[in-house]
Amino acid sequence: MNMEYLPAPSMPDWINDQLKMDKRYMLDIEGWKMHVMESGNGFPVLMVHGNPTWGFLYRKIVDLLPKDTFRCIMPDLIGLGFSDKPRNGSLHQLENHGRWMDLLIRKLGLTELILVVQDWGGPIGMLGVAEQLPVLKGLVVLNTTLRPPKPGFKPTWFHRLSQMPVISDLLFRGLCFPQRLLSIAQGDPNSISGIIAKAYIYPLKGWRNNVAPLALARMVPDSQVHPSVEQLKKVEIAVRSFDGPSAIVWGKRDPVLGRVLNSIKAILPQSSVELTGAGHFIQEEEPEKIAAAIQKVFKQLSDS
């Protein structure tokens, strides 16, 4: 597939100073420009974030991985970070995000990769490889979900809030929720503070730029007939079909997805599991353990 690098938007110096990337660019994905950061020139490692963060979330892990061994690729989901931000919230469907990730992988010409996923990055990343599963060689799972909810499940307070008319718009779009309060989902609230907290808020400032956080929260199923359920079934099928090396690194103090761990372990029985005292955005609290898991998966690949 032909690929044309487009120039990436500028970032303020205080964000650039926290990032040690080799290159930044935009790729056209069905008419939307996706922002991508890269570091290194070795085996491809695709790191997919969730809501409401961006590739910045993986910066500490990238710094710990040798550049001659790994090519770390960090896209910003459409609607988040420095990617284009559609004003129509209805475009934020799991099926669309999965297709956009599939197209990104194909445009980059990746024929093999290790996938690292967290939050919505889990389903979106797995849908991205579901139609080209041989490209997936290794998997590192952070706090996320990889299957549809069980019958009779109860949505979290956060996701119930996102479904409330008017109130949710005021909170998410008017008051920049939840990106202003990411620290409350952490084991150590100080792990997202100061300029780190500011870096998550910056790309989403303003009513126009705040469509995706609410839309992605509403992508979470609140019933068995929610449109994301069928896509999550595809995710589970893809995960169960994968028998390569995998690792789970989990934050036990995650108020959003902490309880999902057992369901992840059930569909990835070959995975090693490391429990930590981190919260939801585990990349900010346990980068060393995540980097070690990536290297462990890569070594298993190299030894096989």
Protein backbone atom coordinates (compact mmCIF):
# COMPACT_ATOMS: atom_id res chain seq x y z
CA MET A 1 0.00 0.00 0.00
CA ASN A 2 1.38 3.43 -0.94
CA MET A 3 2.33 5.64 1.96
CA GLU A 4 2.88 9.37 2.01
CA TYR A 5 4.27 10.99 5.14
CA LEU A 6 2.58 14.29 5.90
CA PRO A 7 4.11 16.89 8.24
CA ALA A 8 3.10 16.62 11.87
CA PRO A 9 1.71 19.65 13.72
CA SER A 10 4.09 21.52 15.97
CA MET A 11 4.15 20.87 19.70
CA PRO A 12 5.07 23.31 22.44
CA ASP A 13 8.64 22.98 23.70
CA TRP A 14 7.55 21.78 27.13
CA ILE A 15 5.97 18.70 25.49
CA ASN A 16 8.83 18.16 23.05
CA ASP A 17 11.26 18.21 25.96
CA GLN A 18 9.50 15.17 27.44
CA LEU A 19 9.56 13.18 24.19
CA LYS A 20 12.67 11.57 22.69
CA MET A 21 11.30 10.47 19.34
CA ASP A 22 13.19 9.95 16.11
CA LYS A 23 10.34 11.12 13.92
CA ARG A 24 6.79 12.36 13.88
CA TYR A 25 4.45 12.37 10.91
CA MET A 26 0.83 12.20 9.80
CA LEU A 27 -0.72 9.50 7.62
CA ASP A 28 -3.93 9.83 5.66
CA ILE A 29 -6.38 7.21 6.93
CA GLU A 30 -9.66 7.37 4.99
CA GLY A 31 -9.38 11.15 4.80
CA TRP A 32 -8.42 11.62 8.46
CA LYS A 33 -4.83 12.46 9.37
CA MET A 34 -3.40 10.18 12.05
CA HIS A 35 -0.46 11.42 14.09
CA VAL A 36 2.31 8.85 14.56
CA MET A 37 5.54 8.98 16.57
CA GLU A 38 8.44 6.56 16.12
CA SER A 39 11.66 5.70 17.90
CA GLY A 40 14.28 3.09 16.93
CA ASN A 41 14.83 0.91 13.87
CA GLY A 42 14.50 -2.71 15.00
CA PHE A 43 11.57 -5.10 15.41
CA PRO A 44 8.23 -3.23 15.16
CA VAL A 45 6.40 -2.66 18.43
CA LEU A 46 2.99 -1.04 17.93
CA MET A 47 1.83 0.69 21.12
CA VAL A 48 -1.87 1.58 21.18
CA HIS A 49 -3.32 3.90 23.82
CA GLY A 50 -6.94 4.45 24.84
CA ASN A 51 -9.24 7.18 26.10
CA PRO A 52 -8.46 10.09 26.59
CA THR A 53 -4.68 9.84 26.18
CA TRP A 54 -2.27 9.81 23.23
CA GLY A 55 1.09 8.30 22.25
CA PHE A 56 2.77 10.42 24.93
CA LEU A 57 1.59 7.73 27.38
CA TYR A 58 4.30 5.33 26.15
CA ARG A 59 7.28 7.72 26.26
CA LYS A 60 8.85 6.25 29.43
CA ILE A 61 8.71 2.71 28.03
CA VAL A 62 10.27 3.78 24.73
CA ASP A 63 13.17 5.37 26.62
CA LEU A 64 13.90 1.99 28.25
CA LEU A 65 14.00 -0.04 25.03
CA PRO A 66 17.20 -0.26 22.94
CA LYS A 67 16.77 1.60 19.66
CA ASP A 68 18.76 -0.93 17.66
CA THR A 69 16.47 -3.75 18.81
CA PHE A 70 13.01 -2.17 18.61
CA ARG A 71 11.12 0.16 16.31
CA CYS A 72 8.50 1.66 18.62
CA ILE A 73 5.44 3.03 16.81
CA MET A 74 2.96 5.15 18.75
CA PRO A 75 -0.11 6.35 16.84
CA ASP A 76 -2.68 8.73 18.27
CA LEU A 77 -6.20 7.40 17.80
CA ILE A 78 -8.32 9.50 15.46
CA GLY A 79 -9.98 12.14 17.62
CA LEU A 80 -7.26 12.15 20.28
CA GLY A 81 -3.77 13.56 20.71
CA PHE A 82 -2.52 15.34 17.61
CA SER A 83 -4.58 13.31 15.14
CA ASP A 84 -7.53 14.85 13.32
CA LYS A 85 -10.62 15.35 15.47
CA PRO A 86 -13.92 14.64 13.72
CA ARG A 87 -16.72 16.86 15.00
CA ASN A 88 -19.29 14.12 14.47
CA GLY A 89 -19.21 11.94 17.57
CA SER A 90 -21.10 9.15 15.81
CA LEU A 91 -17.96 8.37 13.78
CA HIS A 92 -16.38 7.03 16.95
CA GLN A 93 -17.52 3.45 16.59
CA LEU A 94 -15.32 0.52 17.54
CA GLU A 95 -15.65 -0.88 14.04
CA ASN A 96 -14.28 2.36 12.55
CA HIS A 97 -11.35 2.60 14.95
CA GLY A 98 -10.45 -1.02 14.29
CA ARG A 99 -10.52 -0.46 10.53
CA TRP A 100 -8.40 2.68 10.86
CA MET A 101 -5.81 0.73 12.85
CA ASP A 102 -5.84 -2.04 10.24
CA LEU A 103 -5.18 0.56 7.55
CA LEU A 104 -2.35 2.10 9.55
CA ILE A 105 -0.59 -1.27 9.84
CA ARG A 106 -1.00 -1.90 6.12
CA LYS A 107 0.16 1.60 5.17
CA LEU A 108 3.28 1.20 7.28
CA GLY A 109 3.96 -2.07 5.47
CA LEU A 110 4.31 -4.02 8.70
CA THR A 111 4.52 -7.77 8.17
CA GLU A 112 5.34 -8.60 11.78
CA LEU A 113 4.90 -6.76 15.06
CA ILE A 114 4.57 -6.97 18.81
CA LEU A 115 1.34 -5.31 19.92
CA VAL A 116 1.20 -3.42 23.24
CA VAL A 117 -2.29 -2.33 24.29
CA GLN A 118 -4.11 -0.52 27.09
CA ASP A 119 -7.68 0.74 27.64
CA TRP A 120 -9.51 1.04 24.28
CA GLY A 121 -6.17 0.26 22.65
CA GLY A 122 -6.84 -3.41 23.43
CA PRO A 123 -9.96 -3.89 21.30
CA ILE A 124 -8.82 -1.37 18.69
CA GLY A 125 -5.37 -2.91 18.37
CA MET A 126 -6.73 -6.45 18.13
CA LEU A 127 -9.30 -5.43 15.53
CA GLY A 128 -6.41 -3.84 13.65
CA VAL A 129 -4.71 -7.24 13.30
CA ALA A 130 -7.83 -9.44 13.22
CA GLU A 131 -7.97 -9.54 9.40
CA GLN A 132 -4.20 -9.99 9.09
CA LEU A 133 -3.51 -12.12 12.17
CA PRO A 134 -0.18 -13.61 10.91
CA VAL A 135 1.35 -10.14 11.37
CA LEU A 136 0.85 -10.46 15.14
CA LYS A 137 3.94 -12.15 16.60
CA GLY A 138 3.76 -11.07 20.23
CA LEU A 139 1.28 -9.41 22.58
CA VAL A 140 1.70 -7.34 25.74
CA VAL A 141 -1.56 -6.58 27.51
CA LEU A 142 -1.93 -3.75 30.00
CA ASN A 143 -5.16 -2.69 31.72
CA THR A 144 -7.76 -3.23 29.00
CA THR A 145 -10.56 -5.55 27.93
CA LEU A 146 -10.46 -8.10 25.11
CA ARG A 147 -13.91 -9.66 25.10
CA PRO A 148 -17.58 -8.65 25.28
CA PRO A 149 -19.23 -8.19 28.68
CA LYS A 150 -21.02 -11.10 30.26
CA PRO A 151 -24.84 -11.14 30.40
CA GLY A 152 -26.13 -9.19 33.37
CA PHE A 153 -23.02 -7.02 33.66
CA LYS A 154 -23.22 -3.58 35.26
CA PRO A 155 -21.44 -0.62 33.64
CA THR A 156 -19.10 1.38 35.87
CA TRP A 157 -20.19 4.74 37.28
CA PHE A 158 -17.91 6.45 34.75
CA HIS A 159 -19.61 4.80 31.79
CA ARG A 160 -23.10 5.31 33.19
CA LEU A 161 -22.25 8.99 33.54
CA SER A 162 -21.20 9.19 29.89
CA GLN A 163 -24.69 8.10 28.80
CA MET A 164 -26.50 10.90 30.67
CA PRO A 165 -27.78 13.57 28.26
CA VAL A 166 -26.70 17.18 28.79
CA ILE A 167 -24.74 16.43 31.99
CA SER A 168 -22.22 14.30 30.11
CA ASP A 169 -21.72 16.97 27.43
CA LEU A 170 -21.11 19.63 30.04
CA LEU A 171 -18.67 17.47 31.98
CA PHE A 172 -16.75 15.89 29.12
CA ARG A 173 -16.74 18.70 26.60
CA GLY A 174 -17.16 21.79 28.76
CA LEU A 175 -15.01 20.83 31.75
CA CYS A 176 -12.47 18.56 29.99
CA PHE A 177 -13.48 15.47 31.95
CA PRO A 178 -11.85 12.99 32.45
CA GLN A 179 -8.49 14.30 31.20
CA ARG A 180 -8.31 16.88 33.99
CA LEU A 181 -8.74 14.12 36.58
CA LEU A 182 -6.59 11.26 35.30
CA SER A 183 -4.70 11.14 38.58
CA ILE A 184 -7.71 9.75 40.46
CA ALA A 185 -7.43 6.52 38.44
CA GLN A 186 -3.83 6.00 39.56
CA GLY A 187 -2.27 3.97 42.32
CA ASP A 188 0.00 6.97 42.88
CA PRO A 189 -1.91 10.16 42.01
CA ASN A 190 1.38 12.06 41.72
CA SER A 191 2.26 9.93 38.69
CA ILE A 192 0.03 12.20 36.59
CA SER A 193 0.61 15.74 37.80
CA GLY A 194 2.30 18.98 36.77
CA ILE A 195 3.44 19.14 33.15
CA ILE A 196 2.62 15.45 32.64
CA ALA A 197 -1.04 16.12 33.45
CA LYS A 198 -0.87 19.26 31.31
CA ALA A 199 0.40 17.23 28.33
CA TYR A 200 -2.73 15.08 28.37
CA ILE A 201 -5.01 18.12 28.53
CA TYR A 202 -3.25 20.19 25.87
CA PRO A 203 -4.38 18.43 22.63
CA LEU A 204 -8.01 18.33 23.78
CA LYS A 205 -8.50 21.92 24.85
CA GLY A 206 -11.64 23.60 23.55
CA TRP A 207 -15.17 22.41 22.81
CA ARG A 208 -14.33 21.45 19.20
CA ASN A 209 -11.46 19.21 20.27
CA ASN A 210 -13.36 17.43 23.02
CA VAL A 211 -15.65 15.18 20.98
CA ALA A 212 -13.69 11.93 21.29
CA PRO A 213 -13.40 11.50 25.10
CA LEU A 214 -17.17 11.41 25.49
CA ALA A 215 -17.75 9.43 22.29
CA LEU A 216 -15.20 6.78 23.29
CA ALA A 217 -16.74 6.54 26.76
CA ARG A 218 -20.09 5.93 25.05
CA MET A 219 -18.43 3.21 22.93
CA VAL A 220 -18.35 1.09 26.10
CA PRO A 221 -21.35 -1.31 26.06
CA ASP A 222 -24.19 -0.48 28.40
CA SER A 223 -26.27 -3.44 27.20
CA GLN A 224 -25.90 -6.61 25.15
CA VAL A 225 -27.35 -4.84 22.08
CA HIS A 226 -24.76 -2.05 22.10
CA PRO A 227 -22.96 -1.91 18.70
CA SER A 228 -19.56 -2.49 20.33
CA VAL A 229 -20.61 -5.96 21.53
CA GLU A 230 -20.37 -7.58 18.09
CA GLN A 231 -16.94 -6.01 17.55
CA LEU A 232 -15.76 -7.22 20.95
CA LYS A 233 -16.79 -10.74 19.94
CA LYS A 234 -14.44 -10.42 16.97
CA VAL A 235 -11.73 -9.23 19.36
CA GLU A 236 -12.16 -12.29 21.55
CA ILE A 237 -12.03 -14.63 18.55
CA ALA A 238 -8.79 -13.00 17.38
CA VAL A 239 -7.22 -13.23 20.85
CA ARG A 240 -8.20 -16.88 21.27
CA SER A 241 -6.73 -17.59 17.82
CA PHE A 242 -3.37 -16.16 18.82
CA ASP A 243 -0.98 -18.70 20.32
CA GLY A 244 2.24 -16.69 20.24
CA PRO A 245 4.15 -15.32 23.23
CA SER A 246 2.26 -12.86 25.38
CA ALA A 247 2.55 -11.09 28.70
CA ILE A 248 0.10 -9.33 30.99
CA VAL A 249 1.23 -6.45 33.21
CA TRP A 250 -1.66 -5.28 35.37
CA GLY A 251 -2.43 -2.40 37.71
CA LYS A 252 -4.49 -3.78 40.59
CA ARG A 253 -5.58 -0.33 41.77
CA ASP A 254 -7.41 0.46 38.53
CA PRO A 255 -10.96 1.66 39.36
CA VAL A 256 -12.05 1.34 35.72
CA LEU A 257 -10.83 -2.07 34.50
CA GLY A 258 -9.09 -3.64 37.45
CA ARG A 259 -11.75 -6.33 37.81
CA VAL A 260 -11.32 -7.50 34.21
CA LEU A 261 -8.03 -9.32 34.79
CA ASN A 262 -9.49 -12.81 35.23
CA SER A 263 -11.32 -12.60 31.90
CA ILE A 264 -8.05 -11.60 30.17
CA LYS A 265 -6.18 -14.50 31.75
CA ALA A 266 -8.93 -16.91 30.65
CA ILE A 267 -8.50 -16.12 26.95
CA LEU A 268 -4.70 -15.77 27.07
CA PRO A 269 -3.71 -18.84 29.08
CA GLN A 270 -0.16 -18.81 27.69
CA SER A 271 0.55 -15.36 29.15
CA SER A 272 2.86 -14.57 31.99
CA VAL A 273 1.12 -12.30 34.51
CA GLU A 274 2.71 -9.57 36.61
CA LEU A 275 0.52 -7.74 39.12
CA THR A 276 1.46 -4.26 40.27
CA GLY A 277 0.07 -1.63 42.61
CA ALA A 278 -0.48 0.77 39.71
CA GLY A 279 -3.74 2.26 38.56
CA HIS A 280 -5.40 2.53 35.16
CA PHE A 281 -2.65 4.39 33.28
CA ILE A 282 -0.04 1.84 34.27
CA GLN A 283 2.50 3.17 31.75
CA GLU A 284 3.07 6.20 33.99
CA GLU A 285 3.74 4.06 37.10
CA GLU A 286 5.42 0.86 35.93
CA PRO A 287 7.35 1.57 32.71
CA GLU A 288 10.24 -0.70 33.72
CA LYS A 289 7.99 -3.73 34.13
CA ILE A 290 6.27 -3.06 30.82
CA ALA A 291 9.58 -2.63 28.99
CA ALA A 292 10.80 -5.88 30.56
CA ALA A 293 7.63 -7.67 29.37
CA ILE A 294 8.19 -6.45 25.81
CA GLN A 295 11.78 -7.68 25.89
CA LYS A 296 10.66 -11.02 27.34
CA VAL A 297 8.10 -11.53 24.56
CA PHE A 298 10.70 -10.57 21.95
CA LYS A 299 13.21 -13.05 23.40
CA GLN A 300 10.59 -15.82 23.24
CA LEU A 301 10.05 -14.92 19.59
CA SER A 302 13.78 -14.92 18.87
CA ASP A 303 14.26 -18.29 20.62
CA SER A 304 11.36 -19.99 18.82
